[in-house]
Amino acid sequence: MRKTIIAMSFTTLALGAAPHVVAEPSQADIDRGKELAFSRKDGNCLACHKMDDGKLTGTIGPELVDMKTRYPDREMLFKRIWDETKFNPVTVMPPFGKHMIMSKDEINRVIDYLYTL
């Protein structure tokens, strides 16, 4: 019994020490992210950014290309989409998460898509 408890404790410690692994997004996740990014009622990224095969794109924000290289830290990109005003108080980019325009899951789907650009 004691060996079992020690083994279980060791296993728990070993698993707890393992780095957090983010699963690769499915094609459905990426497609949903693109849908949100292009949607005029959700992300509406095209209003300000040129990206992918978007039509009638804006030029207020930077072109969204090579996003995985530009933002290798996914959490930093998430924070910028969640509330860009923390990084640039005079930005015109809406704080999508802070103002509940998109949920955390929706922002993560948009990032899944952006990482394909």
C-alpha atoms as a PDB file:
ATOM      1  CA  MET A   1       0.000   0.000   0.000  1.00  0.00           C
ATOM      2  CA  ARG A   2       2.739   2.431   0.954  1.00  0.00           C
ATOM      3  CA  LYS A   3       4.643   1.712  -2.286  1.00  0.00           C
ATOM      4  CA  THR A   4       1.466   2.426  -4.265  1.00  0.00           C
ATOM      5  CA  ILE A   5       0.987   5.803  -2.565  1.00  0.00           C
ATOM      6  CA  ILE A   6       4.633   6.735  -3.118  1.00  0.00           C
ATOM      7  CA  ALA A   7       4.420   5.664  -6.764  1.00  0.00           C
ATOM      8  CA  MET A   8       1.208   7.672  -7.243  1.00  0.00           C
ATOM      9  CA  SER A   9       2.790  10.724  -5.617  1.00  0.00           C
ATOM     10  CA  PHE A  10       5.863  10.429  -7.829  1.00  0.00           C
ATOM     11  CA  THR A  11       3.686  10.083 -10.918  1.00  0.00           C
ATOM     12  CA  THR A  12       1.658  13.146  -9.933  1.00  0.00           C
ATOM     13  CA  LEU A  13       4.814  15.175  -9.349  1.00  0.00           C
ATOM     14  CA  ALA A  14       6.337  14.034 -12.626  1.00  0.00           C
ATOM     15  CA  LEU A  15       3.195  14.900 -14.580  1.00  0.00           C
ATOM     16  CA  GLY A  16       2.851  18.237 -12.820  1.00  0.00           C
ATOM     17  CA  ALA A  17       6.397  19.157 -13.803  1.00  0.00           C
ATOM     18  CA  ALA A  18       5.784  18.430 -17.472  1.00  0.00           C
ATOM     19  CA  PRO A  19       5.569  21.523 -19.704  1.00  0.00           C
ATOM     20  CA  HIS A  20       2.134  22.534 -20.937  1.00  0.00           C
ATOM     21  CA  VAL A  21       1.689  21.205 -24.453  1.00  0.00           C
ATOM     22  CA  VAL A  22      -0.707  22.989 -26.808  1.00  0.00           C
ATOM     23  CA  ALA A  23      -2.455  20.618 -29.164  1.00  0.00           C
ATOM     24  CA  GLU A  24      -2.174  21.331 -32.859  1.00  0.00           C
ATOM     25  CA  PRO A  25      -5.376  22.968 -34.092  1.00  0.00           C
ATOM     26  CA  SER A  26      -7.648  20.969 -36.356  1.00  0.00           C
ATOM     27  CA  GLN A  27      -8.578  22.218 -39.812  1.00  0.00           C
ATOM     28  CA  ALA A  28     -12.024  22.966 -38.376  1.00  0.00           C
ATOM     29  CA  ASP A  29     -10.407  25.228 -35.718  1.00  0.00           C
ATOM     30  CA  ILE A  30      -8.440  27.070 -38.412  1.00  0.00           C
ATOM     31  CA  ASP A  31     -11.508  27.424 -40.638  1.00  0.00           C
ATOM     32  CA  ARG A  32     -13.535  28.768 -37.706  1.00  0.00           C
ATOM     33  CA  GLY A  33     -10.752  31.261 -36.957  1.00  0.00           C
ATOM     34  CA  LYS A  34     -10.776  32.524 -40.528  1.00  0.00           C
ATOM     35  CA  GLU A  35     -14.561  32.805 -40.431  1.00  0.00           C
ATOM     36  CA  LEU A  36     -14.349  34.891 -37.223  1.00  0.00           C
ATOM     37  CA  ALA A  37     -11.526  37.067 -38.577  1.00  0.00           C
ATOM     38  CA  PHE A  38     -13.379  37.791 -41.832  1.00  0.00           C
ATOM     39  CA  SER A  39     -16.829  38.221 -40.263  1.00  0.00           C
ATOM     40  CA  ARG A  40     -18.089  41.814 -40.210  1.00  0.00           C
ATOM     41  CA  LYS A  41     -19.954  41.145 -36.935  1.00  0.00           C
ATOM     42  CA  ASP A  42     -17.242  39.242 -35.030  1.00  0.00           C
ATOM     43  CA  GLY A  43     -13.527  39.869 -35.529  1.00  0.00           C
ATOM     44  CA  ASN A  44     -13.847  42.150 -38.548  1.00  0.00           C
ATOM     45  CA  CYS A  45     -10.052  42.066 -38.920  1.00  0.00           C
ATOM     46  CA  LEU A  46     -10.368  43.014 -42.595  1.00  0.00           C
ATOM     47  CA  ALA A  47     -11.688  46.437 -41.637  1.00  0.00           C
ATOM     48  CA  CYS A  48      -8.142  47.411 -40.629  1.00  0.00           C
ATOM     49  CA  HIS A  49      -5.758  44.697 -41.835  1.00  0.00           C
ATOM     50  CA  LYS A  50      -4.765  43.250 -45.191  1.00  0.00           C
ATOM     51  CA  MET A  51      -4.575  39.481 -44.902  1.00  0.00           C
ATOM     52  CA  ASP A  52      -4.727  36.285 -46.889  1.00  0.00           C
ATOM     53  CA  ASP A  53      -7.443  36.357 -49.551  1.00  0.00           C
ATOM     54  CA  GLY A  54      -9.575  39.029 -47.868  1.00  0.00           C
ATOM     55  CA  LYS A  55     -11.479  41.487 -50.048  1.00  0.00           C
ATOM     56  CA  LEU A  56     -11.830  45.235 -49.387  1.00  0.00           C
ATOM     57  CA  THR A  57      -9.164  45.232 -46.706  1.00  0.00           C
ATOM     58  CA  GLY A  58      -8.241  48.201 -44.564  1.00  0.00           C
ATOM     59  CA  THR A  59      -4.839  49.797 -44.202  1.00  0.00           C
ATOM     60  CA  ILE A  60      -5.079  51.224 -40.671  1.00  0.00           C
ATOM     61  CA  GLY A  61      -3.308  48.256 -39.077  1.00  0.00           C
ATOM     62  CA  PRO A  62      -0.283  46.273 -40.227  1.00  0.00           C
ATOM     63  CA  GLU A  63      -0.611  43.538 -42.815  1.00  0.00           C
ATOM     64  CA  LEU A  64      -1.171  40.208 -41.076  1.00  0.00           C
ATOM     65  CA  VAL A  65       1.536  37.993 -42.572  1.00  0.00           C
ATOM     66  CA  ASP A  66       4.182  35.675 -41.142  1.00  0.00           C
ATOM     67  CA  MET A  67       2.357  35.783 -37.823  1.00  0.00           C
ATOM     68  CA  LYS A  68       4.044  32.776 -36.189  1.00  0.00           C
ATOM     69  CA  THR A  69       7.442  34.389 -36.746  1.00  0.00           C
ATOM     70  CA  ARG A  70       6.265  37.840 -35.641  1.00  0.00           C
ATOM     71  CA  TYR A  71       4.588  36.413 -32.519  1.00  0.00           C
ATOM     72  CA  PRO A  72       6.342  33.178 -31.544  1.00  0.00           C
ATOM     73  CA  ASP A  73       4.859  33.645 -28.061  1.00  0.00           C
ATOM     74  CA  ARG A  74       1.206  32.785 -28.659  1.00  0.00           C
ATOM     75  CA  GLU A  75       0.224  34.229 -25.276  1.00  0.00           C
ATOM     76  CA  MET A  76       1.566  37.655 -26.297  1.00  0.00           C
ATOM     77  CA  LEU A  77      -0.536  37.662 -29.469  1.00  0.00           C
ATOM     78  CA  PHE A  78      -3.543  36.590 -27.411  1.00  0.00           C
ATOM     79  CA  LYS A  79      -2.989  39.487 -24.986  1.00  0.00           C
ATOM     80  CA  ARG A  80      -2.747  41.974 -27.850  1.00  0.00           C
ATOM     81  CA  ILE A  81      -6.027  40.810 -29.352  1.00  0.00           C
ATOM     82  CA  TRP A  82      -7.673  40.605 -25.917  1.00  0.00           C
ATOM     83  CA  ASP A  83      -6.791  44.231 -25.085  1.00  0.00           C
ATOM     84  CA  GLU A  84      -4.358  46.122 -27.334  1.00  0.00           C
ATOM     85  CA  THR A  85      -4.847  49.241 -25.183  1.00  0.00           C
ATOM     86  CA  LYS A  86      -2.489  47.707 -22.590  1.00  0.00           C
ATOM     87  CA  PHE A  87       0.300  47.991 -25.185  1.00  0.00           C
ATOM     88  CA  ASN A  88      -0.850  51.099 -27.031  1.00  0.00           C
ATOM     89  CA  PRO A  89      -3.324  53.298 -25.122  1.00  0.00           C
ATOM     90  CA  VAL A  90      -4.219  55.321 -28.251  1.00  0.00           C
ATOM     91  CA  THR A  91      -4.861  52.343 -30.534  1.00  0.00           C
ATOM     92  CA  VAL A  92      -8.020  52.169 -32.617  1.00  0.00           C
ATOM     93  CA  MET A  93      -8.054  48.368 -32.304  1.00  0.00           C
ATOM     94  CA  PRO A  94     -10.991  47.293 -30.166  1.00  0.00           C
ATOM     95  CA  PRO A  95     -10.193  45.331 -26.985  1.00  0.00           C
ATOM     96  CA  PHE A  96     -11.939  42.200 -28.293  1.00  0.00           C
ATOM     97  CA  GLY A  97     -11.773  40.213 -25.068  1.00  0.00           C
ATOM     98  CA  LYS A  98     -12.051  43.002 -22.533  1.00  0.00           C
ATOM     99  CA  HIS A  99     -15.229  44.296 -24.201  1.00  0.00           C
ATOM    100  CA  MET A 100     -16.560  40.753 -24.740  1.00  0.00           C
ATOM    101  CA  ILE A 101     -16.641  41.124 -28.519  1.00  0.00           C
ATOM    102  CA  MET A 102     -15.065  37.664 -28.758  1.00  0.00           C
ATOM    103  CA  SER A 103     -14.621  34.906 -26.188  1.00  0.00           C
ATOM    104  CA  LYS A 104     -11.257  33.409 -25.236  1.00  0.00           C
ATOM    105  CA  ASP A 105     -12.056  30.392 -27.397  1.00  0.00           C
ATOM    106  CA  GLU A 106     -12.916  32.590 -30.378  1.00  0.00           C
ATOM    107  CA  ILE A 107      -9.706  34.594 -29.997  1.00  0.00           C
ATOM    108  CA  ASN A 108      -7.759  31.335 -29.858  1.00  0.00           C
ATOM    109  CA  ARG A 109      -9.453  30.159 -33.075  1.00  0.00           C
ATOM    110  CA  VAL A 110      -8.483  33.460 -34.764  1.00  0.00           C
ATOM    111  CA  ILE A 111      -4.887  32.903 -33.618  1.00  0.00           C
ATOM    112  CA  ASP A 112      -5.011  29.332 -35.002  1.00  0.00           C
ATOM    113  CA  TYR A 113      -5.901  30.902 -38.349  1.00  0.00           C
ATOM    114  CA  LEU A 114      -3.386  33.766 -38.090  1.00  0.00           C
ATOM    115  CA  TYR A 115      -0.619  31.243 -37.467  1.00  0.00           C
ATOM    116  CA  THR A 116      -1.286  29.816 -40.939  1.00  0.00           C
ATOM    117  CA  LEU A 117      -0.473  33.187 -42.546  1.00  0.00           C
END
